[in-house]
Structure formats: structure tokens, C-alpha cells
Amino acid sequence: MADNKLKITFTHPRSAETLRAELGPATTASQAIDGLVKAKFLDPPVRLSSYLLQHQRSSKSLPPGTALAEAGVADGDTVAVVETGVSAGRG
């Protein structure tokens, strides 16, 4: 049922682009990132880089295996995608 879905806005790590998604509260941060890659919102991570999610309201990073709702993400929240391990030379 759509009533228990969380409507979350994800922000892109390298542009002003955003993506609004409806996810189940048990969706983990890792599953959300995988979904953002499958939806082509994010490029697949390259060698020595990865993505993590940061809850904008609390400024806390979301642990990869933790459910979004358990980590404090609520309906209507914004979650930033942060790219880690990227060298300065990446285009």
C-alpha cells in the first residue's frame, strides 16, 4: 500500500539534480543507492569510490545496512547522496 511508503527527495552528489522516490520504510541505505544507480540517477561507482547517504535534517550519515525509517528518515525528507573516494582528476 502506498500509505506506508516514504516519499524522499535525493540530491545528486555532483549537480543540482534531484530525484523524488517512494520507498518502503524497511529499505536500507544500500538498497536505496542500488535503486538510484538502476534508475540512472547515479553512475555506477568507479574503482576506489562509493556512495553514502546523508540525512539532511539531522546531518547524519545513514549506515548502509540500516533501514531508512530506523535511521530517522521520515516522509518528505531530503537525503543527500555523497560520493567518497573520488580523486581530484575525475572528470
N, C-alpha and C. Protein backbone atom coordinates (compact mmCIF):
# COMPACT_ATOMS: atom_id res chain seq x y z
N MET A 1 0.83 -1.19 0.00
CA MET A 1 0.00 0.00 0.00
C MET A 1 0.87 1.26 0.00
N ALA A 2 0.50 2.25 -0.76
CA ALA A 2 1.31 3.46 -0.89
C ALA A 2 1.36 4.27 0.40
N ASP A 3 0.37 4.08 1.29
CA ASP A 3 0.30 4.87 2.52
C ASP A 3 1.52 4.71 3.41
N ASN A 4 2.16 3.52 3.40
CA ASN A 4 3.30 3.33 4.28
C ASN A 4 4.63 3.57 3.58
N LYS A 5 4.59 4.09 2.38
CA LYS A 5 5.82 4.42 1.65
C LYS A 5 6.33 5.79 2.11
N LEU A 6 7.66 5.93 2.10
CA LEU A 6 8.28 7.21 2.40
C LEU A 6 8.56 7.93 1.09
N LYS A 7 8.10 9.16 0.97
CA LYS A 7 8.44 10.00 -0.19
C LYS A 7 9.69 10.76 0.18
N ILE A 8 10.79 10.44 -0.51
CA ILE A 8 12.09 11.01 -0.18
C ILE A 8 12.65 11.71 -1.41
N THR A 9 13.27 12.86 -1.21
CA THR A 9 13.97 13.56 -2.28
C THR A 9 15.45 13.31 -2.11
N PHE A 10 16.07 12.75 -3.15
CA PHE A 10 17.52 12.51 -3.15
C PHE A 10 18.19 13.61 -3.94
N THR A 11 19.31 14.12 -3.44
CA THR A 11 20.09 15.13 -4.17
C THR A 11 21.32 14.46 -4.76
N HIS A 12 21.67 14.86 -5.97
CA HIS A 12 22.81 14.30 -6.70
C HIS A 12 24.11 14.82 -6.12
N PRO A 13 25.17 13.98 -6.08
CA PRO A 13 26.43 14.43 -5.47
C PRO A 13 27.22 15.45 -6.28
N ARG A 14 26.95 15.57 -7.59
CA ARG A 14 27.77 16.47 -8.41
C ARG A 14 26.97 17.49 -9.22
N SER A 15 25.66 17.56 -8.97
CA SER A 15 24.85 18.53 -9.71
C SER A 15 23.68 18.96 -8.83
N ALA A 16 22.88 19.86 -9.34
CA ALA A 16 21.71 20.33 -8.60
C ALA A 16 20.50 19.41 -8.83
N GLU A 17 20.69 18.33 -9.55
CA GLU A 17 19.61 17.41 -9.88
C GLU A 17 19.06 16.73 -8.62
N THR A 18 17.76 16.54 -8.60
CA THR A 18 17.12 15.80 -7.51
C THR A 18 16.23 14.71 -8.09
N LEU A 19 15.94 13.72 -7.28
CA LEU A 19 15.04 12.65 -7.68
C LEU A 19 14.13 12.36 -6.50
N ARG A 20 12.84 12.39 -6.75
CA ARG A 20 11.86 12.06 -5.71
C ARG A 20 11.48 10.59 -5.88
N ALA A 21 11.56 9.85 -4.80
CA ALA A 21 11.27 8.42 -4.86
C ALA A 21 10.37 8.03 -3.71
N GLU A 22 9.58 6.98 -3.93
CA GLU A 22 8.76 6.39 -2.87
C GLU A 22 9.39 5.05 -2.52
N LEU A 23 9.80 4.92 -1.26
CA LEU A 23 10.46 3.71 -0.80
C LEU A 23 9.79 3.19 0.45
N GLY A 24 9.84 1.89 0.62
CA GLY A 24 9.33 1.30 1.84
C GLY A 24 10.21 1.67 3.01
N PRO A 25 9.66 1.78 4.20
CA PRO A 25 10.43 2.19 5.38
C PRO A 25 11.53 1.19 5.75
N ALA A 26 11.41 -0.07 5.30
CA ALA A 26 12.43 -1.08 5.60
C ALA A 26 13.57 -1.07 4.59
N THR A 27 13.49 -0.24 3.55
CA THR A 27 14.56 -0.14 2.56
C THR A 27 15.83 0.36 3.25
N THR A 28 16.95 -0.32 3.00
CA THR A 28 18.21 0.10 3.61
C THR A 28 18.88 1.17 2.74
N ALA A 29 19.87 1.84 3.32
CA ALA A 29 20.62 2.84 2.57
C ALA A 29 21.29 2.20 1.35
N SER A 30 21.86 1.00 1.52
CA SER A 30 22.50 0.30 0.38
C SER A 30 21.50 0.00 -0.72
N GLN A 31 20.31 -0.47 -0.33
CA GLN A 31 19.28 -0.76 -1.33
C GLN A 31 18.84 0.51 -2.05
N ALA A 32 18.75 1.61 -1.32
CA ALA A 32 18.37 2.88 -1.94
C ALA A 32 19.42 3.32 -2.96
N ILE A 33 20.69 3.19 -2.61
CA ILE A 33 21.77 3.56 -3.55
C ILE A 33 21.71 2.66 -4.78
N ASP A 34 21.53 1.35 -4.59
CA ASP A 34 21.41 0.44 -5.73
C ASP A 34 20.26 0.85 -6.64
N GLY A 35 19.14 1.24 -6.04
CA GLY A 35 17.99 1.69 -6.82
C GLY A 35 18.27 2.98 -7.58
N LEU A 36 19.03 3.89 -6.98
CA LEU A 36 19.38 5.14 -7.66
C LEU A 36 20.31 4.88 -8.84
N VAL A 37 21.18 3.89 -8.73
CA VAL A 37 22.04 3.51 -9.85
C VAL A 37 21.20 2.87 -10.95
N LYS A 38 20.30 1.95 -10.58
CA LYS A 38 19.44 1.28 -11.57
C LYS A 38 18.54 2.27 -12.29
N ALA A 39 18.10 3.32 -11.59
CA ALA A 39 17.25 4.35 -12.18
C ALA A 39 18.06 5.35 -13.01
N LYS A 40 19.38 5.15 -13.06
CA LYS A 40 20.31 6.00 -13.81
C LYS A 40 20.39 7.43 -13.26
N PHE A 41 19.99 7.60 -11.99
CA PHE A 41 20.19 8.88 -11.32
C PHE A 41 21.66 9.03 -10.95
N LEU A 42 22.30 7.90 -10.62
CA LEU A 42 23.72 7.87 -10.28
C LEU A 42 24.46 6.97 -11.26
N ASP A 43 25.70 7.33 -11.55
CA ASP A 43 26.56 6.43 -12.32
C ASP A 43 27.02 5.31 -11.40
N PRO A 44 27.26 4.12 -11.95
CA PRO A 44 27.82 3.07 -11.09
C PRO A 44 29.14 3.57 -10.49
N PRO A 45 29.41 3.26 -9.24
CA PRO A 45 30.66 3.73 -8.63
C PRO A 45 31.87 3.15 -9.37
N VAL A 46 32.87 3.97 -9.53
CA VAL A 46 34.10 3.53 -10.18
C VAL A 46 35.08 3.05 -9.12
N ARG A 47 36.15 2.45 -9.56
CA ARG A 47 37.16 1.92 -8.65
C ARG A 47 37.56 2.96 -7.61
N LEU A 48 37.63 2.55 -6.38
CA LEU A 48 38.04 3.37 -5.24
C LEU A 48 37.03 4.46 -4.88
N SER A 49 35.82 4.37 -5.40
CA SER A 49 34.80 5.34 -4.99
C SER A 49 33.55 4.59 -4.55
N SER A 50 32.73 5.27 -3.79
CA SER A 50 31.46 4.69 -3.36
C SER A 50 30.52 5.84 -3.03
N TYR A 51 29.29 5.48 -2.75
CA TYR A 51 28.29 6.47 -2.36
C TYR A 51 27.84 6.19 -0.94
N LEU A 52 27.48 7.25 -0.25
CA LEU A 52 26.80 7.12 1.03
C LEU A 52 25.68 8.14 1.06
N LEU A 53 24.74 7.91 1.97
CA LEU A 53 23.60 8.80 2.08
C LEU A 53 23.69 9.60 3.37
N GLN A 54 23.31 10.87 3.27
CA GLN A 54 23.32 11.76 4.44
C GLN A 54 21.94 12.37 4.60
N HIS A 55 21.35 12.16 5.76
CA HIS A 55 20.04 12.70 6.09
C HIS A 55 20.18 14.21 6.31
N GLN A 56 19.53 15.00 5.48
CA GLN A 56 19.73 16.45 5.53
C GLN A 56 19.20 17.08 6.82
N ARG A 57 18.09 16.57 7.34
CA ARG A 57 17.50 17.18 8.55
C ARG A 57 18.41 17.00 9.76
N SER A 58 19.05 15.84 9.88
CA SER A 58 19.90 15.58 11.04
C SER A 58 21.39 15.73 10.75
N SER A 59 21.76 15.82 9.46
CA SER A 59 23.16 15.88 9.01
C SER A 59 23.93 14.61 9.34
N LYS A 60 23.23 13.50 9.60
CA LYS A 60 23.89 12.25 9.93
C LYS A 60 23.99 11.35 8.71
N SER A 61 25.11 10.64 8.59
CA SER A 61 25.26 9.64 7.54
C SER A 61 24.41 8.44 7.90
N LEU A 62 23.81 7.82 6.89
CA LEU A 62 22.95 6.66 7.10
C LEU A 62 23.76 5.39 6.94
N PRO A 63 23.85 4.55 7.95
CA PRO A 63 24.60 3.30 7.85
C PRO A 63 24.04 2.43 6.71
N PRO A 64 24.90 1.83 5.88
CA PRO A 64 24.45 1.09 4.69
C PRO A 64 23.40 0.02 4.96
N GLY A 65 23.51 -0.74 6.04
CA GLY A 65 22.58 -1.83 6.28
C GLY A 65 21.39 -1.48 7.14
N THR A 66 21.24 -0.20 7.47
CA THR A 66 20.16 0.23 8.35
C THR A 66 18.96 0.70 7.53
N ALA A 67 17.77 0.29 7.95
CA ALA A 67 16.54 0.74 7.28
C ALA A 67 16.42 2.25 7.39
N LEU A 68 15.92 2.88 6.33
CA LEU A 68 15.81 4.34 6.31
C LEU A 68 14.98 4.85 7.49
N ALA A 69 13.81 4.25 7.73
CA ALA A 69 12.96 4.71 8.83
C ALA A 69 13.65 4.53 10.18
N GLU A 70 14.36 3.42 10.34
CA GLU A 70 15.09 3.15 11.59
C GLU A 70 16.18 4.19 11.82
N ALA A 71 16.75 4.72 10.71
CA ALA A 71 17.81 5.72 10.81
C ALA A 71 17.25 7.14 11.00
N GLY A 72 15.92 7.26 11.06
CA GLY A 72 15.31 8.56 11.32
C GLY A 72 14.77 9.28 10.11
N VAL A 73 14.82 8.66 8.94
CA VAL A 73 14.29 9.30 7.74
C VAL A 73 12.76 9.20 7.77
N ALA A 74 12.10 10.32 7.54
CA ALA A 74 10.64 10.38 7.56
C ALA A 74 10.10 10.81 6.21
N ASP A 75 8.81 10.61 6.01
CA ASP A 75 8.15 11.01 4.79
C ASP A 75 8.39 12.49 4.52
N GLY A 76 8.81 12.81 3.30
CA GLY A 76 9.05 14.20 2.92
C GLY A 76 10.47 14.69 3.13
N ASP A 77 11.32 13.85 3.71
CA ASP A 77 12.70 14.26 3.99
C ASP A 77 13.55 14.31 2.72
N THR A 78 14.67 15.01 2.82
CA THR A 78 15.67 15.07 1.77
C THR A 78 16.91 14.33 2.23
N VAL A 79 17.44 13.51 1.34
CA VAL A 79 18.64 12.73 1.61
C VAL A 79 19.66 13.06 0.53
N ALA A 80 20.85 13.49 0.95
CA ALA A 80 21.91 13.82 0.01
C ALA A 80 22.73 12.57 -0.29
N VAL A 81 23.06 12.40 -1.56
CA VAL A 81 24.00 11.35 -1.96
C VAL A 81 25.38 11.97 -1.95
N VAL A 82 26.30 11.35 -1.23
CA VAL A 82 27.68 11.84 -1.13
C VAL A 82 28.57 10.81 -1.80
N GLU A 83 29.46 11.28 -2.67
CA GLU A 83 30.41 10.39 -3.33
C GLU A 83 31.72 10.45 -2.57
N THR A 84 32.26 9.30 -2.22
CA THR A 84 33.50 9.25 -1.45
C THR A 84 34.62 8.61 -2.26
N GLY A 85 35.84 8.96 -1.93
CA GLY A 85 37.00 8.34 -2.55
C GLY A 85 37.28 8.76 -3.97
N VAL A 86 36.77 9.91 -4.39
CA VAL A 86 36.95 10.39 -5.75
C VAL A 86 38.19 11.27 -5.81
N SER A 87 39.04 11.00 -6.78
CA SER A 87 40.26 11.83 -6.92
C SER A 87 39.92 13.13 -7.59
N ALA A 88 40.78 14.13 -7.42
CA ALA A 88 40.55 15.46 -7.99
C ALA A 88 40.58 15.43 -9.50
N GLY A 89 41.20 14.45 -10.11
CA GLY A 89 41.33 14.39 -11.55
C GLY A 89 40.14 13.81 -12.26
N ARG A 90 39.13 13.35 -11.54
CA ARG A 90 37.98 12.75 -12.20
C ARG A 90 37.15 13.81 -12.89
N GLY A 91 36.76 13.53 -14.12
CA GLY A 91 36.06 14.50 -14.92
C GLY A 91 34.63 14.46 -14.77
